[in-house]
C-alpha atoms as a PDB file:
ATOM      1  CA  UNK A   1     184.717 291.088 149.735  1.00  0.00           C
ATOM      2  CA  UNK A   2     185.908 291.094 145.627  1.00  0.00           C
ATOM      3  CA  UNK A   3     189.215 289.614 146.523  1.00  0.00           C
ATOM      4  CA  UNK A   4     188.981 287.116 148.347  1.00  0.00           C
ATOM      5  CA  UNK A   5     186.166 285.318 145.682  1.00  0.00           C
ATOM      6  CA  UNK A   6     189.125 286.505 142.838  1.00  0.00           C
ATOM      7  CA  UNK A   7     190.992 284.283 145.136  1.00  0.00           C
ATOM      8  CA  UNK A   8     188.468 281.483 145.453  1.00  0.00           C
ATOM      9  CA  UNK A   9     187.991 281.477 142.042  1.00  0.00           C
ATOM     10  CA  UNK A  10     191.816 281.292 141.214  1.00  0.00           C
ATOM     11  CA  UNK A  11     192.021 277.949 143.727  1.00  0.00           C
ATOM     12  CA  UNK A  12     188.574 276.940 142.122  1.00  0.00           C
ATOM     13  CA  UNK A  13     190.634 277.253 138.706  1.00  0.00           C
ATOM     14  CA  UNK A  14     193.631 275.437 139.649  1.00  0.00           C
ATOM     15  CA  UNK A  15     191.737 272.342 140.591  1.00  0.00           C
ATOM     16  CA  UNK A  16     190.581 272.305 138.118  1.00  0.00           C
ATOM     17  CA  UNK A  17     193.966 272.723 135.645  1.00  0.00           C
ATOM     18  CA  UNK A  18     195.051 269.638 137.807  1.00  0.00           C
ATOM     19  CA  UNK A  19     192.213 267.270 137.441  1.00  0.00           C
ATOM     20  CA  UNK A  20     192.595 268.487 133.584  1.00  0.00           C
ATOM     21  CA  UNK A  21     196.048 267.700 133.986  1.00  0.00           C
ATOM     22  CA  UNK A  22     195.534 263.793 136.053  1.00  0.00           C
ATOM     23  CA  UNK A  23     192.573 262.895 132.870  1.00  0.00           C
ATOM     24  CA  UNK A  24     195.157 263.864 130.687  1.00  0.00           C
ATOM     25  CA  UNK A  25     197.068 261.537 131.841  1.00  0.00           C
ATOM     26  CA  UNK A  26     195.228 258.964 133.041  1.00  0.00           C
ATOM     27  CA  UNK A  27     193.543 258.576 129.481  1.00  0.00           C
ATOM     28  CA  UNK A  28     196.881 257.603 127.626  1.00  0.00           C
ATOM     29  CA  UNK A  29     198.046 254.776 129.782  1.00  0.00           C
ATOM     30  CA  UNK A  30     194.649 253.437 130.649  1.00  0.00           C
ATOM     31  CA  UNK A  31     194.705 253.070 126.775  1.00  0.00           C
ATOM     32  CA  UNK A  32     198.134 251.782 126.363  1.00  0.00           C
ATOM     33  CA  UNK A  33     197.242 249.007 129.122  1.00  0.00           C
ATOM     34  CA  UNK A  34     193.889 248.037 126.983  1.00  0.00           C
ATOM     35  CA  UNK A  35     196.079 247.918 123.770  1.00  0.00           C
ATOM     36  CA  UNK A  36     198.751 245.177 125.460  1.00  0.00           C
ATOM     37  CA  UNK A  37     195.380 243.738 126.373  1.00  0.00           C
ATOM     38  CA  UNK A  38     192.883 243.930 124.157  1.00  0.00           C
ATOM     39  CA  UNK A  39     193.761 242.595 120.127  1.00  0.00           C
ATOM     40  CA  UNK A  40     195.002 245.614 117.820  1.00  0.00           C
ATOM     41  CA  UNK A  41     193.902 246.623 114.386  1.00  0.00           C
ATOM     42  CA  UNK A  42     195.968 245.030 112.044  1.00  0.00           C
ATOM     43  CA  UNK A  43     196.745 247.023 108.798  1.00  0.00           C
ATOM     44  CA  UNK A  44     194.044 249.606 108.988  1.00  0.00           C
ATOM     45  CA  UNK A  45     193.045 250.514 105.483  1.00  0.00           C
ATOM     46  CA  UNK A  46     192.120 254.416 104.387  1.00  0.00           C
ATOM     47  CA  UNK A  47     189.423 253.539 101.663  1.00  0.00           C
ATOM     48  CA  UNK A  48     190.062 256.429  99.649  1.00  0.00           C
ATOM     49  CA  UNK A  49     187.545 258.955  99.309  1.00  0.00           C
ATOM     50  CA  UNK A  50     185.900 261.425  97.681  1.00  0.00           C
ATOM     51  CA  UNK A  51     185.257 264.440  98.582  1.00  0.00           C
ATOM     52  CA  UNK A  52     181.629 264.729  98.670  1.00  0.00           C
ATOM     53  CA  UNK A  53     181.513 261.568 101.089  1.00  0.00           C
ATOM     54  CA  UNK A  54     183.840 262.786 103.744  1.00  0.00           C
ATOM     55  CA  UNK A  55     182.061 266.581 103.452  1.00  0.00           C
ATOM     56  CA  UNK A  56     178.658 264.345 103.992  1.00  0.00           C
ATOM     57  CA  UNK A  57     180.050 262.245 106.754  1.00  0.00           C
ATOM     58  CA  UNK A  58     180.847 266.334 108.423  1.00  0.00           C
ATOM     59  CA  UNK A  59     178.093 267.702 107.496  1.00  0.00           C
ATOM     60  CA  UNK A  60     176.161 265.052 109.404  1.00  0.00           C
ATOM     61  CA  UNK A  61     178.103 265.194 112.414  1.00  0.00           C
ATOM     62  CA  UNK A  62     177.363 269.308 112.202  1.00  0.00           C
ATOM     63  CA  UNK A  63     173.575 269.159 112.085  1.00  0.00           C
ATOM     64  CA  UNK A  64     173.678 266.194 115.051  1.00  0.00           C
ATOM     65  CA  UNK A  65     176.106 269.631 117.216  1.00  0.00           C
ATOM     66  CA  UNK A  66     173.686 271.817 115.942  1.00  0.00           C
ATOM     67  CA  UNK A  67     170.501 269.782 118.030  1.00  0.00           C
ATOM     68  CA  UNK A  68     172.813 268.667 120.758  1.00  0.00           C
ATOM     69  CA  UNK A  69     173.301 272.793 121.416  1.00  0.00           C
ATOM     70  CA  UNK A  70     170.163 273.808 120.981  1.00  0.00           C
ATOM     71  CA  UNK A  71     168.947 270.622 123.423  1.00  0.00           C
ATOM     72  CA  UNK A  72     171.351 272.228 125.868  1.00  0.00           C
ATOM     73  CA  UNK A  73     170.236 275.108 125.460  1.00  0.00           C
ATOM     74  CA  UNK A  74     166.238 274.817 125.577  1.00  0.00           C
ATOM     75  CA  UNK A  75     167.250 271.792 129.241  1.00  0.00           C
ATOM     76  CA  UNK A  76     169.536 274.687 131.033  1.00  0.00           C
ATOM     77  CA  UNK A  77     167.498 277.971 130.624  1.00  0.00           C
ATOM     78  CA  UNK A  78     164.808 277.278 132.865  1.00  0.00           C
ATOM     79  CA  UNK A  79     167.068 276.125 135.063  1.00  0.00           C
ATOM     80  CA  UNK A  80     169.347 279.531 134.939  1.00  0.00           C
ATOM     81  CA  UNK A  81     167.991 281.494 132.844  1.00  0.00           C
ATOM     82  CA  UNK A  82     165.966 283.599 135.214  1.00  0.00           C
ATOM     83  CA  UNK A  83     168.735 283.911 138.105  1.00  0.00           C
ATOM     84  CA  UNK A  84     171.027 285.176 135.922  1.00  0.00           C
ATOM     85  CA  UNK A  85     168.359 288.014 135.106  1.00  0.00           C
ATOM     86  CA  UNK A  86     168.099 288.874 138.707  1.00  0.00           C
ATOM     87  CA  UNK A  87     172.390 289.067 138.596  1.00  0.00           C
ATOM     88  CA  UNK A  88     171.998 291.736 135.819  1.00  0.00           C
ATOM     89  CA  UNK A  89     169.298 293.632 136.980  1.00  0.00           C
ATOM     90  CA  UNK A  90     171.096 293.998 140.204  1.00  0.00           C
ATOM     91  CA  UNK A  91     174.705 294.315 138.217  1.00  0.00           C
ATOM     92  CA  UNK A  92     172.869 297.233 136.581  1.00  0.00           C
ATOM     93  CA  UNK A  93     171.114 298.995 139.299  1.00  0.00           C
ATOM     94  CA  UNK A  94     174.690 299.619 141.334  1.00  0.00           C
ATOM     95  CA  UNK A  95     175.920 301.237 137.833  1.00  0.00           C
ATOM     96  CA  UNK A  96     173.641 302.983 137.921  1.00  0.00           C
ATOM     97  CA  UNK A  97     174.185 304.238 141.379  1.00  0.00           C
ATOM     98  CA  UNK A  98     178.182 304.360 141.365  1.00  0.00           C
ATOM     99  CA  UNK A  99     179.287 308.702 139.915  1.00  0.00           C
ATOM    100  CA  UNK A 100     180.269 308.817 135.838  1.00  0.00           C
ATOM    101  CA  UNK A 101     184.070 308.997 135.139  1.00  0.00           C
ATOM    102  CA  UNK A 102     184.512 306.332 138.225  1.00  0.00           C
ATOM    103  CA  UNK A 103     186.983 303.255 137.710  1.00  0.00           C
ATOM    104  CA  UNK A 104     186.457 300.545 139.901  1.00  0.00           C
ATOM    105  CA  UNK A 105     187.344 296.507 140.971  1.00  0.00           C
ATOM    106  CA  UNK A 106     185.516 294.155 139.937  1.00  0.00           C
ATOM    107  CA  UNK A 107     182.267 294.416 142.588  1.00  0.00           C
ATOM    108  CA  UNK A 108     181.189 291.732 144.196  1.00  0.00           C
ATOM    109  CA  UNK A 109     177.979 291.625 142.202  1.00  0.00           C
ATOM    110  CA  UNK A 110     180.129 291.310 139.044  1.00  0.00           C
ATOM    111  CA  UNK A 111     181.992 288.565 140.192  1.00  0.00           C
ATOM    112  CA  UNK A 112     178.349 286.809 141.191  1.00  0.00           C
ATOM    113  CA  UNK A 113     178.211 287.280 137.274  1.00  0.00           C
ATOM    114  CA  UNK A 114     180.943 285.875 136.400  1.00  0.00           C
ATOM    115  CA  UNK A 115     180.936 282.795 138.555  1.00  0.00           C
ATOM    116  CA  UNK A 116     176.888 281.631 137.429  1.00  0.00           C
ATOM    117  CA  UNK A 117     178.616 282.182 134.071  1.00  0.00           C
ATOM    118  CA  UNK A 118     181.229 279.774 134.615  1.00  0.00           C
ATOM    119  CA  UNK A 119     179.232 277.436 136.214  1.00  0.00           C
ATOM    120  CA  UNK A 120     176.849 277.353 133.582  1.00  0.00           C
ATOM    121  CA  UNK A 121     179.198 277.328 130.913  1.00  0.00           C
ATOM    122  CA  UNK A 122     180.879 273.611 132.897  1.00  0.00           C
ATOM    123  CA  UNK A 123     176.935 272.652 133.128  1.00  0.00           C
ATOM    124  CA  UNK A 124     176.310 273.332 129.790  1.00  0.00           C
ATOM    125  CA  UNK A 125     179.798 271.261 128.679  1.00  0.00           C
ATOM    126  CA  UNK A 126     179.396 268.051 130.265  1.00  0.00           C
ATOM    127  CA  UNK A 127     175.528 268.356 129.192  1.00  0.00           C
ATOM    128  CA  UNK A 128     176.873 268.344 126.025  1.00  0.00           C
ATOM    129  CA  UNK A 129     179.604 265.705 125.900  1.00  0.00           C
ATOM    130  CA  UNK A 130     177.523 263.472 127.717  1.00  0.00           C
ATOM    131  CA  UNK A 131     174.352 263.593 124.991  1.00  0.00           C
ATOM    132  CA  UNK A 132     177.398 263.474 122.342  1.00  0.00           C
ATOM    133  CA  UNK A 133     179.137 260.708 124.131  1.00  0.00           C
ATOM    134  CA  UNK A 134     175.598 258.899 124.182  1.00  0.00           C
ATOM    135  CA  UNK A 135     174.803 259.656 120.237  1.00  0.00           C
ATOM    136  CA  UNK A 136     177.980 257.940 118.915  1.00  0.00           C
ATOM    137  CA  UNK A 137     177.956 254.789 121.869  1.00  0.00           C
ATOM    138  CA  UNK A 138     174.103 254.018 119.913  1.00  0.00           C
ATOM    139  CA  UNK A 139     175.968 254.074 116.486  1.00  0.00           C
ATOM    140  CA  UNK A 140     177.338 257.630 115.550  1.00  0.00           C
ATOM    141  CA  UNK A 141     180.895 257.095 114.981  1.00  0.00           C
ATOM    142  CA  UNK A 142     183.502 259.717 112.969  1.00  0.00           C
ATOM    143  CA  UNK A 143     185.862 257.129 113.267  1.00  0.00           C
ATOM    144  CA  UNK A 144     184.498 253.527 112.185  1.00  0.00           C
ATOM    145  CA  UNK A 145     182.780 255.428 109.199  1.00  0.00           C
ATOM    146  CA  UNK A 146     186.694 256.554 107.712  1.00  0.00           C
ATOM    147  CA  UNK A 147     188.306 253.348 108.243  1.00  0.00           C
ATOM    148  CA  UNK A 148     188.564 250.542 106.327  1.00  0.00           C
ATOM    149  CA  UNK A 149     188.187 248.111 109.723  1.00  0.00           C
ATOM    150  CA  UNK A 150     186.637 244.857 109.314  1.00  0.00           C
ATOM    151  CA  UNK A 151     187.039 243.843 113.511  1.00  0.00           C
ATOM    152  CA  UNK A 152     188.029 246.775 115.571  1.00  0.00           C
ATOM    153  CA  UNK A 153     189.180 245.840 119.164  1.00  0.00           C
ATOM    154  CA  UNK A 154     186.937 247.407 122.222  1.00  0.00           C
ATOM    155  CA  UNK A 155     189.796 250.180 122.563  1.00  0.00           C
ATOM    156  CA  UNK A 156     188.985 251.560 119.627  1.00  0.00           C
ATOM    157  CA  UNK A 157     185.206 251.443 119.666  1.00  0.00           C
ATOM    158  CA  UNK A 158     185.497 253.176 123.014  1.00  0.00           C
ATOM    159  CA  UNK A 159     188.395 255.961 121.528  1.00  0.00           C
ATOM    160  CA  UNK A 160     185.692 256.101 118.267  1.00  0.00           C
ATOM    161  CA  UNK A 161     182.654 256.833 121.262  1.00  0.00           C
ATOM    162  CA  UNK A 162     185.196 259.590 123.095  1.00  0.00           C
ATOM    163  CA  UNK A 163     186.084 261.480 120.139  1.00  0.00           C
ATOM    164  CA  UNK A 164     182.906 261.797 117.851  1.00  0.00           C
ATOM    165  CA  UNK A 165     181.022 262.773 121.553  1.00  0.00           C
ATOM    166  CA  UNK A 166     183.144 265.030 122.285  1.00  0.00           C
ATOM    167  CA  UNK A 167     183.291 266.264 118.559  1.00  0.00           C
ATOM    168  CA  UNK A 168     179.108 266.629 118.666  1.00  0.00           C
ATOM    169  CA  UNK A 169     179.792 268.245 122.294  1.00  0.00           C
ATOM    170  CA  UNK A 170     181.611 271.162 120.947  1.00  0.00           C
ATOM    171  CA  UNK A 171     179.224 272.344 119.224  1.00  0.00           C
ATOM    172  CA  UNK A 172     178.511 272.732 115.244  1.00  0.00           C
ATOM    173  CA  UNK A 173     181.245 275.994 114.776  1.00  0.00           C
ATOM    174  CA  UNK A 174     183.954 273.343 115.168  1.00  0.00           C
ATOM    175  CA  UNK A 175     182.566 271.030 112.753  1.00  0.00           C
ATOM    176  CA  UNK A 176     182.233 273.771 110.565  1.00  0.00           C
ATOM    177  CA  UNK A 177     186.049 274.683 111.056  1.00  0.00           C
ATOM    178  CA  UNK A 178     187.062 270.800 110.013  1.00  0.00           C
ATOM    179  CA  UNK A 179     184.524 271.042 106.930  1.00  0.00           C
ATOM    180  CA  UNK A 180     186.276 274.461 106.272  1.00  0.00           C
ATOM    181  CA  UNK A 181     189.876 273.451 106.545  1.00  0.00           C
ATOM    182  CA  UNK A 182     189.208 269.700 104.628  1.00  0.00           C
ATOM    183  CA  UNK A 183     187.993 271.696 101.453  1.00  0.00           C
ATOM    184  CA  UNK A 184     190.424 274.073 101.462  1.00  0.00           C
ATOM    185  CA  UNK A 185     192.844 271.737 101.839  1.00  0.00           C
ATOM    186  CA  UNK A 186     191.692 269.506  99.148  1.00  0.00           C
ATOM    187  CA  UNK A 187     190.436 272.286  96.486  1.00  0.00           C
ATOM    188  CA  UNK A 188     194.820 273.327  97.472  1.00  0.00           C
ATOM    189  CA  UNK A 189     196.429 269.590  96.553  1.00  0.00           C
ATOM    190  CA  UNK A 190     193.572 270.013  93.230  1.00  0.00           C
ATOM    191  CA  UNK A 191     195.364 273.402  92.273  1.00  0.00           C
ATOM    192  CA  UNK A 192     199.112 272.312  92.333  1.00  0.00           C
ATOM    193  CA  UNK A 193     198.030 269.058  90.162  1.00  0.00           C
ATOM    194  CA  UNK A 194     199.461 269.341  87.016  1.00  0.00           C
ATOM    195  CA  UNK A 195     197.871 267.977  83.890  1.00  0.00           C
ATOM    196  CA  UNK A 196     199.797 265.883  82.174  1.00  0.00           C
ATOM    197  CA  UNK A 197     201.106 267.453  78.568  1.00  0.00           C
ATOM    198  CA  UNK A 198     200.354 265.204  75.337  1.00  0.00           C
END
């Protein structure tokens, strides 16, 4: 029974991987079509940013990502927590009933718990992406605040909403890593600069 469930999960995983490959192929193709159709941004300039400004921008995104994480948790908890607790309790009883020193393959209850947690993670990702893109569409943009583009084409705005929404949905930890990499890069660049000799 457990092996049948694992094979069904493998089929679902293969299907989701195939659909992600399809999306990964369609997005660039649609981007190229839109780029040909729309007027692209010409001569995009990157203004000089002090380190504090970039860190301030990323810190703002981190706070928004924390809000999204907490909102998704609050929205999902009433829907998923009780069922998860029941499955975990059932699994604990099954493990306690087994004799000691017995190695067994995954039971049906373990597979059920893994499936349930996987579905919960997928729901959380979809909800986080939807909230992140909605917030980004309302005006919180990552790329537009870094570029000095007076007129942005529709493609750039759409990609900015998509990327910023995905960053926000990825959570505060991912954004914190970006801040860490950026600050270490800036500190490294500052330390390699040689003072001019008089």
